[in-house]
Amino acid sequence: MNTSLPTRPFLFLRHGQTDWNVEGRMQGHTDIPLNATGIAQAHAAAETLRGHTFTRIIASPLQRAKHTAQIIATAHNTPLEFCDQLKERTFGSVEGQLWHEFAALHNIAENQTFDHALPTNAEFWPQTMQRSQTAITHWLNTYPSDTLLFVGHGAFFRALYQTLGGPSTHAHNATPYHFQPTATGWQLITL
């Protein structure tokens, strides 16, 4: 079990769908808005979260996460803060490319690491893993009496869960996840 992250539960939600999600493009820090489906997903997530307690939302400031978080914060009348450390992993100059074209160009198989093919202005996986743990730890320590909902991005979610000892896991758009500490590690529950 990773002991540097405070051992108390928290919630995580990946932003709603964007057009680039549908097209299979590398988004990274490119600030793409939610599409109509993504907005509907954010409202549905707010309803799903009605049965779960959280007292503060911390979100990435990229508009797809920000808009998702604002919908939920409004529905739950919950305080909302933004944190740059929750942004998606940057892919540098390859942002906007189609994932399948990038993979074919660099002969990358499905579920294979691709750091070797990224440009030098990208964030590499070990950095994303460290940043995810640092950011979550910071906010859990900042608000020790609050139950936090983090609204962020897919690669950030995967990096965080791997840092906590879990397998590589894909976060679906606007699906809430509950991170629960156990005696032997962390349990991830899809809400």
N, C-alpha and C. Protein backbone atom coordinates (compact mmCIF):
# COMPACT_ATOMS: atom_id res chain seq x y z
N MET A 1 0.85 -1.19 0.00
CA MET A 1 0.00 0.00 0.00
C MET A 1 0.88 1.24 0.00
N ASN A 2 0.52 2.21 -0.81
CA ASN A 2 1.26 3.46 -0.86
C ASN A 2 0.90 4.27 0.38
N THR A 3 1.87 4.58 1.22
CA THR A 3 1.57 5.22 2.49
C THR A 3 1.63 6.74 2.44
N SER A 4 2.14 7.34 1.37
CA SER A 4 2.24 8.79 1.36
C SER A 4 0.90 9.46 1.05
N LEU A 5 -0.03 8.75 0.43
CA LEU A 5 -1.36 9.30 0.19
C LEU A 5 -2.20 9.07 1.45
N PRO A 6 -2.85 10.12 1.97
CA PRO A 6 -3.68 9.91 3.16
C PRO A 6 -4.69 8.78 2.94
N THR A 7 -4.83 7.92 3.92
CA THR A 7 -5.68 6.75 3.76
C THR A 7 -7.12 7.07 4.17
N ARG A 8 -7.75 7.85 3.32
CA ARG A 8 -9.17 8.11 3.51
C ARG A 8 -9.84 8.16 2.14
N PRO A 9 -11.11 7.84 2.08
CA PRO A 9 -11.77 7.73 0.77
C PRO A 9 -11.93 9.08 0.08
N PHE A 10 -12.03 9.00 -1.24
CA PHE A 10 -12.34 10.17 -2.06
C PHE A 10 -13.01 9.69 -3.34
N LEU A 11 -13.59 10.62 -4.05
CA LEU A 11 -14.27 10.33 -5.31
C LEU A 11 -13.50 10.95 -6.46
N PHE A 12 -13.60 10.32 -7.63
CA PHE A 12 -12.97 10.85 -8.83
C PHE A 12 -13.95 10.71 -9.99
N LEU A 13 -13.98 11.73 -10.83
CA LEU A 13 -14.85 11.73 -12.01
C LEU A 13 -14.07 12.28 -13.19
N ARG A 14 -14.01 11.52 -14.27
CA ARG A 14 -13.44 12.04 -15.51
C ARG A 14 -14.49 12.94 -16.15
N HIS A 15 -14.04 13.97 -16.83
CA HIS A 15 -14.94 14.91 -17.52
C HIS A 15 -15.87 14.20 -18.50
N GLY A 16 -16.93 14.90 -18.90
CA GLY A 16 -17.84 14.40 -19.92
C GLY A 16 -17.18 14.38 -21.30
N GLN A 17 -17.88 13.80 -22.23
CA GLN A 17 -17.37 13.58 -23.59
C GLN A 17 -17.13 14.89 -24.35
N THR A 18 -16.09 14.87 -25.18
CA THR A 18 -15.80 15.96 -26.12
C THR A 18 -15.81 15.39 -27.53
N ASP A 19 -15.83 16.28 -28.52
CA ASP A 19 -15.75 15.82 -29.91
C ASP A 19 -14.44 15.09 -30.17
N TRP A 20 -13.38 15.53 -29.53
CA TRP A 20 -12.08 14.87 -29.73
C TRP A 20 -12.08 13.46 -29.12
N ASN A 21 -12.84 13.26 -28.03
CA ASN A 21 -12.98 11.89 -27.51
C ASN A 21 -13.61 11.00 -28.57
N VAL A 22 -14.67 11.49 -29.18
CA VAL A 22 -15.39 10.72 -30.20
C VAL A 22 -14.48 10.43 -31.38
N GLU A 23 -13.69 11.41 -31.80
CA GLU A 23 -12.81 11.26 -32.96
C GLU A 23 -11.56 10.44 -32.63
N GLY A 24 -11.26 10.26 -31.35
CA GLY A 24 -10.07 9.52 -30.96
C GLY A 24 -8.80 10.34 -31.08
N ARG A 25 -8.89 11.62 -30.77
CA ARG A 25 -7.72 12.51 -30.85
C ARG A 25 -7.01 12.61 -29.50
N MET A 26 -5.73 12.89 -29.55
CA MET A 26 -4.93 13.12 -28.35
C MET A 26 -5.22 14.54 -27.85
N GLN A 27 -5.90 14.66 -26.71
CA GLN A 27 -6.32 15.98 -26.23
C GLN A 27 -5.26 16.67 -25.39
N GLY A 28 -4.79 16.01 -24.36
CA GLY A 28 -3.80 16.63 -23.50
C GLY A 28 -4.25 17.96 -22.94
N HIS A 29 -3.42 18.97 -23.08
CA HIS A 29 -3.74 20.31 -22.57
C HIS A 29 -4.55 21.14 -23.55
N THR A 30 -4.80 20.63 -24.76
CA THR A 30 -5.63 21.36 -25.71
C THR A 30 -7.01 21.51 -25.08
N ASP A 31 -7.51 22.73 -25.03
CA ASP A 31 -8.70 23.04 -24.23
C ASP A 31 -9.98 22.87 -25.04
N ILE A 32 -10.42 21.63 -25.16
CA ILE A 32 -11.59 21.27 -25.95
C ILE A 32 -12.83 21.28 -25.05
N PRO A 33 -13.95 21.87 -25.52
CA PRO A 33 -15.16 21.90 -24.68
C PRO A 33 -15.93 20.58 -24.71
N LEU A 34 -16.82 20.44 -23.76
CA LEU A 34 -17.76 19.32 -23.79
C LEU A 34 -18.65 19.44 -25.01
N ASN A 35 -19.05 18.30 -25.58
CA ASN A 35 -20.08 18.33 -26.62
C ASN A 35 -21.43 18.13 -25.93
N ALA A 36 -22.52 18.06 -26.71
CA ALA A 36 -23.86 17.93 -26.13
C ALA A 36 -23.98 16.65 -25.31
N THR A 37 -23.38 15.58 -25.77
CA THR A 37 -23.39 14.32 -25.02
C THR A 37 -22.66 14.49 -23.70
N GLY A 38 -21.51 15.17 -23.73
CA GLY A 38 -20.74 15.40 -22.52
C GLY A 38 -21.49 16.22 -21.49
N ILE A 39 -22.24 17.21 -21.94
CA ILE A 39 -23.05 18.02 -21.02
C ILE A 39 -24.12 17.15 -20.38
N ALA A 40 -24.79 16.32 -21.19
CA ALA A 40 -25.81 15.41 -20.66
C ALA A 40 -25.18 14.41 -19.69
N GLN A 41 -23.99 13.93 -20.01
CA GLN A 41 -23.29 13.00 -19.11
C GLN A 41 -22.98 13.66 -17.77
N ALA A 42 -22.59 14.93 -17.79
CA ALA A 42 -22.28 15.64 -16.54
C ALA A 42 -23.53 15.76 -15.68
N HIS A 43 -24.67 16.06 -16.30
CA HIS A 43 -25.93 16.13 -15.55
C HIS A 43 -26.31 14.76 -14.99
N ALA A 44 -26.10 13.70 -15.78
CA ALA A 44 -26.38 12.34 -15.31
C ALA A 44 -25.46 11.96 -14.15
N ALA A 45 -24.19 12.37 -14.22
CA ALA A 45 -23.26 12.10 -13.13
C ALA A 45 -23.70 12.81 -11.86
N ALA A 46 -24.20 14.04 -12.00
CA ALA A 46 -24.70 14.77 -10.84
C ALA A 46 -25.83 14.00 -10.17
N GLU A 47 -26.70 13.38 -10.96
CA GLU A 47 -27.78 12.57 -10.40
C GLU A 47 -27.24 11.31 -9.73
N THR A 48 -26.29 10.64 -10.39
CA THR A 48 -25.68 9.43 -9.80
C THR A 48 -25.05 9.75 -8.46
N LEU A 49 -24.45 10.91 -8.35
CA LEU A 49 -23.75 11.30 -7.12
C LEU A 49 -24.69 11.72 -5.99
N ARG A 50 -25.99 11.81 -6.27
CA ARG A 50 -26.94 12.22 -5.22
C ARG A 50 -26.93 11.26 -4.04
N GLY A 51 -26.62 10.02 -4.27
CA GLY A 51 -26.60 9.05 -3.18
C GLY A 51 -25.27 8.95 -2.45
N HIS A 52 -24.35 9.87 -2.75
CA HIS A 52 -23.00 9.79 -2.18
C HIS A 52 -22.62 11.15 -1.59
N THR A 53 -21.93 11.10 -0.48
CA THR A 53 -21.58 12.33 0.22
C THR A 53 -20.21 12.85 -0.24
N PHE A 54 -20.18 14.11 -0.61
CA PHE A 54 -18.92 14.83 -0.82
C PHE A 54 -19.18 16.27 -0.45
N THR A 55 -18.17 16.93 0.09
CA THR A 55 -18.36 18.27 0.63
C THR A 55 -17.57 19.35 -0.11
N ARG A 56 -16.74 18.93 -1.05
CA ARG A 56 -15.94 19.89 -1.81
C ARG A 56 -15.51 19.23 -3.11
N ILE A 57 -15.46 20.04 -4.19
CA ILE A 57 -15.02 19.56 -5.49
C ILE A 57 -13.73 20.28 -5.86
N ILE A 58 -12.73 19.51 -6.30
CA ILE A 58 -11.47 20.06 -6.81
C ILE A 58 -11.38 19.59 -8.26
N ALA A 59 -11.19 20.53 -9.19
CA ALA A 59 -11.24 20.17 -10.61
C ALA A 59 -10.09 20.76 -11.40
N SER A 60 -9.79 20.10 -12.50
CA SER A 60 -8.88 20.64 -13.50
C SER A 60 -9.52 21.89 -14.10
N PRO A 61 -8.71 22.91 -14.42
CA PRO A 61 -9.26 24.12 -15.03
C PRO A 61 -9.49 24.01 -16.54
N LEU A 62 -9.09 22.90 -17.17
CA LEU A 62 -9.39 22.75 -18.59
C LEU A 62 -10.90 22.68 -18.76
N GLN A 63 -11.44 23.36 -19.77
CA GLN A 63 -12.87 23.60 -19.82
C GLN A 63 -13.73 22.34 -19.83
N ARG A 64 -13.25 21.22 -20.35
CA ARG A 64 -14.06 20.01 -20.35
C ARG A 64 -14.28 19.49 -18.92
N ALA A 65 -13.25 19.61 -18.07
CA ALA A 65 -13.39 19.22 -16.66
C ALA A 65 -14.07 20.32 -15.87
N LYS A 66 -13.73 21.56 -16.15
CA LYS A 66 -14.30 22.70 -15.43
C LYS A 66 -15.82 22.73 -15.60
N HIS A 67 -16.30 22.56 -16.83
CA HIS A 67 -17.74 22.60 -17.10
C HIS A 67 -18.44 21.42 -16.41
N THR A 68 -17.84 20.24 -16.49
CA THR A 68 -18.39 19.06 -15.82
C THR A 68 -18.52 19.34 -14.32
N ALA A 69 -17.46 19.87 -13.72
CA ALA A 69 -17.45 20.15 -12.28
C ALA A 69 -18.47 21.22 -11.91
N GLN A 70 -18.61 22.24 -12.76
CA GLN A 70 -19.57 23.31 -12.47
C GLN A 70 -21.00 22.79 -12.46
N ILE A 71 -21.31 21.89 -13.38
CA ILE A 71 -22.66 21.29 -13.41
C ILE A 71 -22.92 20.54 -12.11
N ILE A 72 -21.96 19.76 -11.66
CA ILE A 72 -22.13 18.97 -10.45
C ILE A 72 -22.16 19.87 -9.21
N ALA A 73 -21.29 20.87 -9.17
CA ALA A 73 -21.26 21.79 -8.03
C ALA A 73 -22.58 22.53 -7.89
N THR A 74 -23.15 22.95 -9.00
CA THR A 74 -24.43 23.65 -8.98
C THR A 74 -25.54 22.72 -8.50
N ALA A 75 -25.56 21.50 -9.02
CA ALA A 75 -26.60 20.53 -8.65
C ALA A 75 -26.54 20.16 -7.18
N HIS A 76 -25.34 20.17 -6.60
CA HIS A 76 -25.16 19.74 -5.21
C HIS A 76 -24.88 20.90 -4.25
N ASN A 77 -24.85 22.11 -4.79
CA ASN A 77 -24.54 23.29 -3.97
C ASN A 77 -23.27 23.06 -3.14
N THR A 78 -22.22 22.66 -3.88
CA THR A 78 -20.95 22.27 -3.25
C THR A 78 -19.84 23.24 -3.65
N PRO A 79 -18.97 23.63 -2.73
CA PRO A 79 -17.83 24.50 -3.08
C PRO A 79 -16.95 23.83 -4.14
N LEU A 80 -16.42 24.66 -5.03
CA LEU A 80 -15.61 24.19 -6.16
C LEU A 80 -14.34 25.01 -6.25
N GLU A 81 -13.20 24.30 -6.38
CA GLU A 81 -11.90 24.93 -6.58
C GLU A 81 -11.23 24.29 -7.78
N PHE A 82 -10.28 25.03 -8.37
CA PHE A 82 -9.57 24.52 -9.54
C PHE A 82 -8.08 24.37 -9.23
N CYS A 83 -7.47 23.38 -9.87
CA CYS A 83 -6.07 23.07 -9.59
C CYS A 83 -5.37 22.67 -10.90
N ASP A 84 -4.33 23.40 -11.27
CA ASP A 84 -3.58 23.08 -12.49
C ASP A 84 -2.97 21.68 -12.45
N GLN A 85 -2.64 21.19 -11.25
CA GLN A 85 -2.02 19.87 -11.13
C GLN A 85 -2.97 18.73 -11.53
N LEU A 86 -4.26 19.02 -11.65
CA LEU A 86 -5.24 18.01 -12.06
C LEU A 86 -5.44 17.97 -13.58
N LYS A 87 -4.70 18.81 -14.31
CA LYS A 87 -4.84 18.81 -15.77
C LYS A 87 -4.45 17.46 -16.36
N GLU A 88 -4.93 17.24 -17.57
CA GLU A 88 -4.54 16.04 -18.30
C GLU A 88 -3.04 16.06 -18.58
N ARG A 89 -2.51 14.91 -18.84
CA ARG A 89 -1.12 14.77 -19.27
C ARG A 89 -0.98 15.52 -20.60
N THR A 90 0.07 16.31 -20.75
CA THR A 90 0.28 16.98 -22.02
C THR A 90 1.02 16.06 -22.99
N PHE A 91 0.57 16.06 -24.23
CA PHE A 91 1.22 15.27 -25.27
C PHE A 91 2.07 16.13 -26.19
N GLY A 92 2.26 17.38 -25.79
CA GLY A 92 3.13 18.28 -26.55
C GLY A 92 2.64 18.52 -27.96
N SER A 93 3.57 18.53 -28.89
CA SER A 93 3.26 18.90 -30.27
C SER A 93 2.44 17.86 -31.03
N VAL A 94 2.18 16.70 -30.44
CA VAL A 94 1.34 15.70 -31.14
C VAL A 94 -0.13 15.80 -30.73
N GLU A 95 -0.47 16.74 -29.85
CA GLU A 95 -1.88 16.91 -29.49
C GLU A 95 -2.69 17.24 -30.74
N GLY A 96 -3.86 16.65 -30.82
CA GLY A 96 -4.73 16.82 -31.97
C GLY A 96 -4.63 15.68 -32.96
N GLN A 97 -3.56 14.91 -32.88
CA GLN A 97 -3.42 13.75 -33.78
C GLN A 97 -4.39 12.66 -33.37
N LEU A 98 -4.79 11.85 -34.34
CA LEU A 98 -5.63 10.70 -34.04
C LEU A 98 -4.78 9.62 -33.39
N TRP A 99 -5.30 9.04 -32.30
CA TRP A 99 -4.55 8.00 -31.59
C TRP A 99 -4.16 6.85 -32.50
N HIS A 100 -5.09 6.38 -33.33
CA HIS A 100 -4.78 5.21 -34.16
C HIS A 100 -3.71 5.52 -35.20
N GLU A 101 -3.68 6.74 -35.72
CA GLU A 101 -2.64 7.12 -36.68
C GLU A 101 -1.28 7.24 -35.98
N PHE A 102 -1.28 7.82 -34.79
CA PHE A 102 -0.05 7.94 -34.01
C PHE A 102 0.50 6.55 -33.70
N ALA A 103 -0.37 5.64 -33.27
CA ALA A 103 0.05 4.28 -32.93
C ALA A 103 0.59 3.55 -34.15
N ALA A 104 -0.07 3.70 -35.28
CA ALA A 104 0.39 3.03 -36.50
C ALA A 104 1.74 3.58 -36.95
N LEU A 105 1.90 4.89 -36.90
CA LEU A 105 3.14 5.54 -37.31
C LEU A 105 4.33 5.06 -36.48
N HIS A 106 4.09 4.79 -35.20
CA HIS A 106 5.17 4.40 -34.28
C HIS A 106 5.13 2.92 -33.91
N ASN A 107 4.31 2.15 -34.61
CA ASN A 107 4.22 0.70 -34.41
C ASN A 107 3.95 0.36 -32.93
N ILE A 108 2.92 1.02 -32.37
CA ILE A 108 2.56 0.83 -30.97
C ILE A 108 1.32 -0.06 -30.91
N ALA A 109 1.44 -1.18 -30.22
CA ALA A 109 0.32 -2.09 -30.06
C ALA A 109 -0.63 -1.56 -28.98
N GLU A 110 -1.88 -2.05 -29.00
CA GLU A 110 -2.86 -1.65 -28.00
C GLU A 110 -2.35 -2.00 -26.60
N ASN A 111 -2.55 -1.08 -25.66
CA ASN A 111 -2.12 -1.22 -24.26
C ASN A 111 -0.61 -1.24 -24.08
N GLN A 112 0.14 -0.86 -25.11
CA GLN A 112 1.59 -0.78 -25.01
C GLN A 112 1.98 0.65 -24.65
N THR A 113 3.02 0.82 -23.88
CA THR A 113 3.49 2.15 -23.52
C THR A 113 3.96 2.89 -24.78
N PHE A 114 3.81 4.20 -24.77
CA PHE A 114 4.18 4.97 -25.97
C PHE A 114 5.06 6.17 -25.65
N ASP A 115 5.60 6.25 -24.43
CA ASP A 115 6.47 7.37 -24.07
C ASP A 115 7.62 7.55 -25.06
N HIS A 116 8.15 6.44 -25.57
CA HIS A 116 9.29 6.52 -26.49
C HIS A 116 8.98 7.27 -27.77
N ALA A 117 7.69 7.38 -28.11
CA ALA A 117 7.30 8.04 -29.35
C ALA A 117 6.85 9.49 -29.15
N LEU A 118 6.79 9.93 -27.91
CA LEU A 118 6.32 11.29 -27.63
C LEU A 118 7.44 12.31 -27.85
N PRO A 119 7.06 13.53 -28.22
CA PRO A 119 8.07 14.59 -28.37
C PRO A 119 8.60 15.02 -27.00
N THR A 120 9.70 15.71 -27.00
CA THR A 120 10.33 16.13 -25.74
C THR A 120 9.48 17.13 -24.95
N ASN A 121 8.51 17.78 -25.60
CA ASN A 121 7.67 18.74 -24.88
C ASN A 121 6.41 18.09 -24.31
N ALA A 122 6.37 16.77 -24.26
CA ALA A 122 5.27 16.03 -23.64
C ALA A 122 5.61 15.72 -22.19
N GLU A 123 4.61 15.32 -21.43
CA GLU A 123 4.83 14.84 -20.06
C GLU A 123 4.92 13.31 -20.13
N PHE A 124 5.96 12.77 -19.54
CA PHE A 124 6.16 11.33 -19.60
C PHE A 124 5.48 10.63 -18.42
N TRP A 125 5.16 9.35 -18.62
CA TRP A 125 4.32 8.62 -17.68
C TRP A 125 4.80 8.68 -16.23
N PRO A 126 6.07 8.50 -15.93
CA PRO A 126 6.50 8.61 -14.53
C PRO A 126 6.18 9.99 -13.92
N GLN A 127 6.28 11.03 -14.74
CA GLN A 127 5.94 12.38 -14.26
C GLN A 127 4.44 12.48 -13.96
N THR A 128 3.61 11.90 -14.84
CA THR A 128 2.16 11.94 -14.63
C THR A 128 1.80 11.18 -13.36
N MET A 129 2.43 10.04 -13.14
CA MET A 129 2.16 9.26 -11.94
C MET A 129 2.53 10.06 -10.69
N GLN A 130 3.69 10.66 -10.68
CA GLN A 130 4.12 11.45 -9.52
C GLN A 130 3.20 12.64 -9.30
N ARG A 131 2.85 13.32 -10.37
CA ARG A 131 1.98 14.51 -10.26
C ARG A 131 0.60 14.13 -9.72
N SER A 132 0.07 13.00 -10.18
CA SER A 132 -1.26 12.59 -9.73
C SER A 132 -1.26 12.36 -8.22
N GLN A 133 -0.26 11.67 -7.73
CA GLN A 133 -0.19 11.39 -6.29
C GLN A 133 0.04 12.67 -5.50
N THR A 134 0.93 13.52 -5.98
CA THR A 134 1.23 14.77 -5.29
C THR A 134 -0.02 15.65 -5.19
N ALA A 135 -0.76 15.76 -6.29
CA ALA A 135 -1.96 16.61 -6.31
C ALA A 135 -3.03 16.09 -5.36
N ILE A 136 -3.34 14.80 -5.43
CA ILE A 136 -4.38 14.24 -4.57
C ILE A 136 -3.97 14.34 -3.10
N THR A 137 -2.72 14.04 -2.81
CA THR A 137 -2.21 14.13 -1.44
C THR A 137 -2.34 15.56 -0.91
N HIS A 138 -1.97 16.52 -1.73
CA HIS A 138 -2.05 17.93 -1.33
C HIS A 138 -3.48 18.28 -0.90
N TRP A 139 -4.45 17.94 -1.73
CA TRP A 139 -5.83 18.34 -1.42
C TRP A 139 -6.42 17.56 -0.26
N LEU A 140 -6.09 16.28 -0.15
CA LEU A 140 -6.57 15.51 1.00
C LEU A 140 -5.99 16.06 2.30
N ASN A 141 -4.74 16.53 2.26
CA ASN A 141 -4.12 17.14 3.44
C ASN A 141 -4.66 18.54 3.71
N THR A 142 -5.00 19.27 2.65
CA THR A 142 -5.52 20.63 2.79
C THR A 142 -6.89 20.64 3.44
N TYR A 143 -7.72 19.66 3.10
CA TYR A 143 -9.08 19.57 3.63
C TYR A 143 -9.28 18.23 4.33
N PRO A 144 -8.65 18.04 5.49
CA PRO A 144 -8.70 16.74 6.15
C PRO A 144 -10.07 16.33 6.66
N SER A 145 -10.99 17.28 6.81
CA SER A 145 -12.33 16.95 7.31
C SER A 145 -13.36 16.84 6.19
N ASP A 146 -12.98 17.14 4.97
CA ASP A 146 -13.90 17.09 3.83
C ASP A 146 -13.82 15.77 3.09
N THR A 147 -14.92 15.38 2.49
CA THR A 147 -14.92 14.29 1.53
C THR A 147 -14.84 14.94 0.16
N LEU A 148 -13.78 14.64 -0.58
CA LEU A 148 -13.49 15.36 -1.82
C LEU A 148 -13.91 14.57 -3.05
N LEU A 149 -14.41 15.32 -4.04
CA LEU A 149 -14.65 14.81 -5.38
C LEU A 149 -13.67 15.53 -6.29
N PHE A 150 -12.81 14.75 -6.97
CA PHE A 150 -11.88 15.31 -7.94
C PHE A 150 -12.47 15.12 -9.33
N VAL A 151 -12.43 16.18 -10.14
CA VAL A 151 -12.91 16.09 -11.52
C VAL A 151 -11.71 16.36 -12.42
N GLY A 152 -11.34 15.35 -13.20
CA GLY A 152 -10.14 15.46 -14.00
C GLY A 152 -10.22 14.71 -15.31
N HIS A 153 -9.16 13.97 -15.62
CA HIS A 153 -8.95 13.43 -16.95
C HIS A 153 -8.53 11.96 -16.91
N GLY A 154 -8.62 11.34 -18.07
CA GLY A 154 -8.39 9.90 -18.18
C GLY A 154 -6.99 9.44 -17.84
N ALA A 155 -5.96 10.07 -18.41
CA ALA A 155 -4.59 9.64 -18.13
C ALA A 155 -4.23 9.93 -16.67
N PHE A 156 -4.71 11.03 -16.14
CA PHE A 156 -4.47 11.36 -14.72
C PHE A 156 -5.06 10.26 -13.85
N PHE A 157 -6.27 9.83 -14.16
CA PHE A 157 -6.94 8.75 -13.41
C PHE A 157 -6.13 7.46 -13.46
N ARG A 158 -5.71 7.06 -14.66
CA ARG A 158 -4.92 5.83 -14.81
C ARG A 158 -3.62 5.92 -14.02
N ALA A 159 -2.96 7.07 -14.12
CA ALA A 159 -1.69 7.26 -13.41
C ALA A 159 -1.90 7.17 -11.90
N LEU A 160 -2.95 7.80 -11.40
CA LEU A 160 -3.23 7.76 -9.97
C LEU A 160 -3.49 6.34 -9.51
N TYR A 161 -4.33 5.62 -10.24
CA TYR A 161 -4.67 4.27 -9.81
C TYR A 161 -3.45 3.34 -9.87
N GLN A 162 -2.62 3.50 -10.88
CA GLN A 162 -1.39 2.69 -10.94
C GLN A 162 -0.45 3.05 -9.79
N THR A 163 -0.36 4.33 -9.45
CA THR A 163 0.48 4.76 -8.34
C THR A 163 0.02 4.11 -7.04
N LEU A 164 -1.28 3.91 -6.91
CA LEU A 164 -1.84 3.30 -5.70
C LEU A 164 -1.80 1.78 -5.73
N GLY A 165 -1.19 1.22 -6.79
CA GLY A 165 -1.02 -0.22 -6.86
C GLY A 165 -2.03 -0.96 -7.70
N GLY A 166 -2.92 -0.24 -8.33
CA GLY A 166 -3.94 -0.89 -9.17
C GLY A 166 -3.45 -1.13 -10.58
N PRO A 167 -4.19 -1.93 -11.35
CA PRO A 167 -3.83 -2.17 -12.74
C PRO A 167 -4.16 -0.97 -13.62
N SER A 168 -3.68 -0.97 -14.85
CA SER A 168 -4.05 0.08 -15.79
C SER A 168 -5.55 -0.01 -16.05
N THR A 169 -6.27 1.05 -15.74
CA THR A 169 -7.73 1.05 -15.81
C THR A 169 -8.19 2.28 -16.56
N HIS A 170 -9.13 2.09 -17.47
CA HIS A 170 -9.69 3.19 -18.25
C HIS A 170 -10.86 3.81 -17.49
N ALA A 171 -10.87 5.12 -17.35
CA ALA A 171 -12.00 5.83 -16.75
C ALA A 171 -12.96 6.25 -17.86
N HIS A 172 -14.21 5.87 -17.71
CA HIS A 172 -15.22 6.26 -18.69
C HIS A 172 -15.63 7.71 -18.44
N ASN A 173 -16.02 8.38 -19.50
CA ASN A 173 -16.45 9.78 -19.37
C ASN A 173 -17.61 9.91 -18.38
N ALA A 174 -17.45 10.84 -17.45
CA ALA A 174 -18.48 11.23 -16.49
C ALA A 174 -19.03 10.06 -15.67
N THR A 175 -18.18 9.08 -15.41
CA THR A 175 -18.54 7.98 -14.52
C THR A 175 -17.83 8.20 -13.19
N PRO A 176 -18.60 8.31 -12.09
CA PRO A 176 -17.95 8.52 -10.79
C PRO A 176 -17.30 7.23 -10.27
N TYR A 177 -16.14 7.40 -9.65
CA TYR A 177 -15.40 6.30 -9.05
C TYR A 177 -15.12 6.65 -7.59
N HIS A 178 -15.21 5.65 -6.74
CA HIS A 178 -14.93 5.81 -5.32
C HIS A 178 -13.63 5.09 -4.99
N PHE A 179 -12.64 5.83 -4.51
CA PHE A 179 -11.37 5.26 -4.06
C PHE A 179 -11.50 5.01 -2.56
N GLN A 180 -11.39 3.75 -2.17
CA GLN A 180 -11.56 3.36 -0.78
C GLN A 180 -10.30 2.66 -0.28
N PRO A 181 -9.65 3.20 0.76
CA PRO A 181 -8.49 2.50 1.32
C PRO A 181 -8.93 1.23 2.04
N THR A 182 -8.11 0.18 1.93
CA THR A 182 -8.36 -1.07 2.64
C THR A 182 -7.09 -1.44 3.41
N ALA A 183 -7.13 -2.53 4.12
CA ALA A 183 -5.97 -2.97 4.89
C ALA A 183 -4.80 -3.37 3.99
N THR A 184 -5.09 -3.72 2.73
CA THR A 184 -4.04 -4.21 1.83
C THR A 184 -3.79 -3.30 0.64
N GLY A 185 -4.45 -2.16 0.54
CA GLY A 185 -4.25 -1.29 -0.61
C GLY A 185 -5.46 -0.38 -0.82
N TRP A 186 -5.83 -0.25 -2.07
CA TRP A 186 -6.96 0.62 -2.43
C TRP A 186 -7.96 -0.17 -3.26
N GLN A 187 -9.23 0.04 -2.96
CA GLN A 187 -10.30 -0.56 -3.74
C GLN A 187 -10.94 0.53 -4.58
N LEU A 188 -11.16 0.24 -5.86
CA LEU A 188 -11.81 1.18 -6.77
C LEU A 188 -13.22 0.67 -7.05
N ILE A 189 -14.21 1.52 -6.75
CA ILE A 189 -15.61 1.13 -6.92
C ILE A 189 -16.24 2.09 -7.93
N THR A 190 -16.83 1.53 -8.97
CA THR A 190 -17.56 2.34 -9.94
C THR A 190 -18.95 2.61 -9.40
N LEU A 191 -19.34 3.87 -9.36
CA LEU A 191 -20.66 4.22 -8.82
C LEU A 191 -21.72 4.19 -9.91
